[in-house]
Amino acid sequence: MKKFITKTIIILGLILTISGFVWAEEALIVAEGKLNSKIGSELFTLLLEIKSIELRGDVFSDPAFSKLKDFGVELQDQPTGRENPFLKI
């Protein structure tokens, strides 16, 4: 009788564990779907806000704009490594 009770407890434990994993995975899929739709709606709202921005050309005729200097640095070509670094030498 003890073997039967022990086997039953083990089997029930396995069933509960497996069902927990299945339900957790389903909940994760549902949560990801809600998250993706929320991100999509936020992205769409942001896109609409960006489209409503108007750029005026008078900014470029401003004296402050003409006083700006470009301090950018031109990058020189650097030697590249081996074509396939994982090949033996």
C-alpha atoms as a PDB file:
ATOM      1  CA  MET A   1       0.000   0.000   0.000  1.00  0.00           C
ATOM      2  CA  LYS A   2       2.910   2.401   0.746  1.00  0.00           C
ATOM      3  CA  LYS A   3       4.306   1.837  -2.763  1.00  0.00           C
ATOM      4  CA  PHE A   4       0.942   2.711  -4.287  1.00  0.00           C
ATOM      5  CA  ILE A   5       0.668   5.945  -2.288  1.00  0.00           C
ATOM      6  CA  THR A   6       4.284   6.876  -3.082  1.00  0.00           C
ATOM      7  CA  LYS A   7       3.781   6.237  -6.825  1.00  0.00           C
ATOM      8  CA  THR A   8       0.519   8.188  -6.785  1.00  0.00           C
ATOM      9  CA  ILE A   9       2.163  11.166  -5.084  1.00  0.00           C
ATOM     10  CA  ILE A  10       5.065  11.084  -7.555  1.00  0.00           C
ATOM     11  CA  ILE A  11       2.731  10.859 -10.559  1.00  0.00           C
ATOM     12  CA  LEU A  12       0.536  13.682  -9.259  1.00  0.00           C
ATOM     13  CA  GLY A  13       3.633  15.793  -8.620  1.00  0.00           C
ATOM     14  CA  LEU A  14       4.853  15.214 -12.177  1.00  0.00           C
ATOM     15  CA  ILE A  15       1.438  16.050 -13.624  1.00  0.00           C
ATOM     16  CA  LEU A  16       1.258  19.262 -11.600  1.00  0.00           C
ATOM     17  CA  THR A  17       4.801  20.234 -12.568  1.00  0.00           C
ATOM     18  CA  ILE A  18       4.207  19.625 -16.277  1.00  0.00           C
ATOM     19  CA  SER A  19       0.872  21.444 -16.248  1.00  0.00           C
ATOM     20  CA  GLY A  20       2.521  24.356 -14.438  1.00  0.00           C
ATOM     21  CA  PHE A  21       5.106  24.643 -17.205  1.00  0.00           C
ATOM     22  CA  VAL A  22       2.409  24.488 -19.887  1.00  0.00           C
ATOM     23  CA  TRP A  23       0.256  27.166 -18.229  1.00  0.00           C
ATOM     24  CA  ALA A  24       3.269  29.373 -17.553  1.00  0.00           C
ATOM     25  CA  GLU A  25       4.272  29.171 -21.225  1.00  0.00           C
ATOM     26  CA  GLU A  26       0.741  30.058 -22.347  1.00  0.00           C
ATOM     27  CA  ALA A  27       0.668  33.005 -19.949  1.00  0.00           C
ATOM     28  CA  LEU A  28       4.025  34.177 -21.298  1.00  0.00           C
ATOM     29  CA  ILE A  29       2.778  33.993 -24.886  1.00  0.00           C
ATOM     30  CA  VAL A  30      -0.320  36.008 -23.992  1.00  0.00           C
ATOM     31  CA  ALA A  31       1.763  38.556 -22.085  1.00  0.00           C
ATOM     32  CA  GLU A  32       4.186  38.933 -25.009  1.00  0.00           C
ATOM     33  CA  GLY A  33       1.268  39.512 -27.365  1.00  0.00           C
ATOM     34  CA  LYS A  34      -0.107  42.253 -25.123  1.00  0.00           C
ATOM     35  CA  LEU A  35       3.355  43.760 -24.786  1.00  0.00           C
ATOM     36  CA  ASN A  36       3.906  43.751 -28.540  1.00  0.00           C
ATOM     37  CA  SER A  37       0.533  45.385 -29.182  1.00  0.00           C
ATOM     38  CA  LYS A  38       1.295  48.031 -26.539  1.00  0.00           C
ATOM     39  CA  ILE A  39       4.704  48.735 -28.075  1.00  0.00           C
ATOM     40  CA  GLY A  40       3.119  48.844 -31.533  1.00  0.00           C
ATOM     41  CA  SER A  41       0.513  51.376 -30.462  1.00  0.00           C
ATOM     42  CA  GLU A  42       3.153  53.517 -28.736  1.00  0.00           C
ATOM     43  CA  LEU A  43       5.308  53.375 -31.862  1.00  0.00           C
ATOM     44  CA  PHE A  44       2.349  54.379 -34.034  1.00  0.00           C
ATOM     45  CA  THR A  45       1.557  57.310 -31.731  1.00  0.00           C
ATOM     46  CA  LEU A  46       5.208  58.408 -31.846  1.00  0.00           C
ATOM     47  CA  LEU A  47       5.206  58.179 -35.637  1.00  0.00           C
ATOM     48  CA  LEU A  48       2.134  60.394 -35.830  1.00  0.00           C
ATOM     49  CA  GLU A  49       3.809  62.928 -33.521  1.00  0.00           C
ATOM     50  CA  ILE A  50       6.934  62.940 -35.698  1.00  0.00           C
ATOM     51  CA  LYS A  51       4.852  63.466 -38.844  1.00  0.00           C
ATOM     52  CA  SER A  52       3.226  66.515 -37.277  1.00  0.00           C
ATOM     53  CA  ILE A  53       6.594  68.275 -36.807  1.00  0.00           C
ATOM     54  CA  GLU A  54       7.079  71.158 -39.223  1.00  0.00           C
ATOM     55  CA  LEU A  55      10.588  72.207 -40.227  1.00  0.00           C
ATOM     56  CA  ARG A  56      11.120  75.826 -41.103  1.00  0.00           C
ATOM     57  CA  GLY A  57      13.929  77.017 -43.359  1.00  0.00           C
ATOM     58  CA  ASP A  58      14.519  80.277 -41.500  1.00  0.00           C
ATOM     59  CA  VAL A  59      16.695  78.387 -39.003  1.00  0.00           C
ATOM     60  CA  PHE A  60      19.435  78.156 -41.636  1.00  0.00           C
ATOM     61  CA  SER A  61      19.442  81.912 -42.265  1.00  0.00           C
ATOM     62  CA  ASP A  62      19.929  82.664 -38.557  1.00  0.00           C
ATOM     63  CA  PRO A  63      23.372  84.216 -37.775  1.00  0.00           C
ATOM     64  CA  ALA A  64      23.862  81.754 -34.931  1.00  0.00           C
ATOM     65  CA  PHE A  65      23.602  78.873 -37.401  1.00  0.00           C
ATOM     66  CA  SER A  66      26.185  80.399 -39.727  1.00  0.00           C
ATOM     67  CA  LYS A  67      28.641  80.696 -36.797  1.00  0.00           C
ATOM     68  CA  LEU A  68      28.552  76.967 -36.108  1.00  0.00           C
ATOM     69  CA  LYS A  69      31.772  75.113 -36.887  1.00  0.00           C
ATOM     70  CA  ASP A  70      32.225  71.498 -37.853  1.00  0.00           C
ATOM     71  CA  PHE A  71      34.666  69.822 -35.466  1.00  0.00           C
ATOM     72  CA  GLY A  72      34.186  66.402 -37.057  1.00  0.00           C
ATOM     73  CA  VAL A  73      37.176  64.179 -37.596  1.00  0.00           C
ATOM     74  CA  GLU A  74      37.622  62.345 -40.867  1.00  0.00           C
ATOM     75  CA  LEU A  75      38.251  58.679 -40.212  1.00  0.00           C
ATOM     76  CA  GLN A  76      41.091  57.016 -42.064  1.00  0.00           C
ATOM     77  CA  ASP A  77      40.849  53.506 -43.469  1.00  0.00           C
ATOM     78  CA  GLN A  78      42.286  50.966 -41.063  1.00  0.00           C
ATOM     79  CA  PRO A  79      43.878  47.682 -42.065  1.00  0.00           C
ATOM     80  CA  THR A  80      41.468  44.804 -41.702  1.00  0.00           C
ATOM     81  CA  GLY A  81      42.177  41.496 -40.048  1.00  0.00           C
ATOM     82  CA  ARG A  82      42.151  38.087 -41.599  1.00  0.00           C
ATOM     83  CA  GLU A  83      39.346  37.155 -43.934  1.00  0.00           C
ATOM     84  CA  ASN A  84      38.292  34.273 -41.653  1.00  0.00           C
ATOM     85  CA  PRO A  85      39.793  34.646 -38.181  1.00  0.00           C
ATOM     86  CA  PHE A  86      38.681  31.145 -37.185  1.00  0.00           C
ATOM     87  CA  LEU A  87      40.869  29.353 -39.711  1.00  0.00           C
ATOM     88  CA  LYS A  88      44.105  27.870 -38.433  1.00  0.00           C
ATOM     89  CA  ILE A  89      47.242  29.843 -39.191  1.00  0.00           C
END
